[in-house]
Amino acid sequence: MGVKDFFVKKLIQSKLKGIPQEQQDAIIALVTENPELFEKIGKEIQQKTKEGKGEQVAAMEVLRKYQGEIQKAMMKR
């Protein structure tokens, strides 16, 4: 595991407190296997929050936009 993967894992774990470890591991694997997609999602969420939207609203909008791509990535696993 590279340094970047380590920090990605720690960041995700900090955001997923209260979620079972098995589900956390699945999400971490999905993100580390598809970093470009999740980097793009993160940047769009960040842009929407800078435009004044709440973080949850921005995340829901962006995740809805990329729902198909996320589902495809999950099916590959």
Protein backbone atom coordinates (compact mmCIF):
# COMPACT_ATOMS: atom_id res chain seq x y z
CA MET A 1 0.00 0.00 0.00
CA GLY A 2 1.42 3.33 -1.05
CA VAL A 3 1.39 6.47 1.03
CA LYS A 4 -1.45 7.95 -1.02
CA ASP A 5 -3.58 4.82 -0.53
CA PHE A 6 -2.88 4.93 3.20
CA PHE A 7 -4.10 8.51 3.49
CA VAL A 8 -7.14 7.83 1.30
CA LYS A 9 -8.03 4.89 3.54
CA LYS A 10 -7.66 6.97 6.71
CA LEU A 11 -9.72 9.82 5.27
CA ILE A 12 -12.51 7.49 4.21
CA GLN A 13 -12.49 5.73 7.58
CA SER A 14 -12.83 9.07 9.34
CA LYS A 15 -15.92 9.89 7.26
CA LEU A 16 -17.51 6.45 7.70
CA LYS A 17 -17.58 6.14 11.47
CA GLY A 18 -20.45 3.96 12.57
CA ILE A 19 -20.51 1.92 9.35
CA PRO A 20 -19.54 -1.76 9.67
CA GLN A 21 -15.91 -2.53 8.83
CA GLU A 22 -16.90 -4.82 5.94
CA GLN A 23 -18.78 -1.98 4.24
CA GLN A 24 -15.93 0.45 4.93
CA ASP A 25 -13.51 -1.96 3.26
CA ALA A 26 -15.77 -2.27 0.21
CA ILE A 27 -16.00 1.51 -0.16
CA ILE A 28 -12.24 1.93 0.31
CA ALA A 29 -11.59 -0.70 -2.35
CA LEU A 30 -14.01 0.98 -4.74
CA VAL A 31 -12.35 4.37 -4.28
CA THR A 32 -8.79 3.06 -4.57
CA GLU A 33 -9.68 1.07 -7.71
CA ASN A 34 -11.34 4.11 -9.36
CA PRO A 35 -9.41 7.14 -8.10
CA GLU A 36 -10.06 9.31 -11.18
CA LEU A 37 -13.84 8.99 -10.84
CA PHE A 38 -13.86 9.79 -7.13
CA GLU A 39 -11.38 12.64 -7.56
CA LYS A 40 -13.73 14.15 -10.16
CA ILE A 41 -16.69 13.67 -7.81
CA GLY A 42 -14.79 15.29 -4.94
CA LYS A 43 -13.83 18.31 -7.02
CA GLU A 44 -17.40 18.83 -8.18
CA ILE A 45 -18.71 18.61 -4.62
CA GLN A 46 -16.08 21.09 -3.52
CA GLN A 47 -17.04 23.49 -6.33
CA LYS A 48 -20.72 23.33 -5.42
CA THR A 49 -19.95 24.06 -1.76
CA LYS A 50 -17.88 27.07 -2.84
CA GLU A 51 -20.94 28.23 -4.79
CA GLY A 52 -22.89 28.25 -1.53
CA LYS A 53 -24.59 24.88 -1.40
CA GLY A 54 -24.46 22.80 1.74
CA GLU A 55 -22.05 19.88 1.68
CA GLN A 56 -24.81 17.25 1.89
CA VAL A 57 -26.88 18.87 -0.86
CA ALA A 58 -23.83 19.21 -3.09
CA ALA A 59 -22.82 15.60 -2.46
CA MET A 60 -26.29 14.29 -3.26
CA GLU A 61 -26.44 16.26 -6.51
CA VAL A 62 -23.03 15.13 -7.69
CA LEU A 63 -23.47 11.52 -6.61
CA ARG A 64 -26.80 11.39 -8.40
CA LYS A 65 -25.03 12.69 -11.54
CA TYR A 66 -22.42 9.91 -11.36
CA GLN A 67 -24.73 7.17 -10.09
CA GLY A 68 -24.43 5.11 -13.28
CA GLU A 69 -20.64 5.21 -13.28
CA ILE A 70 -20.49 4.28 -9.61
CA GLN A 71 -22.83 1.34 -10.19
CA LYS A 72 -20.67 0.13 -13.10
CA ALA A 73 -17.58 0.31 -10.90
CA MET A 74 -19.35 -1.67 -8.20
CA MET A 75 -20.42 -4.36 -10.66
CA LYS A 76 -16.82 -4.88 -11.76
CA ARG A 77 -15.86 -5.91 -8.25
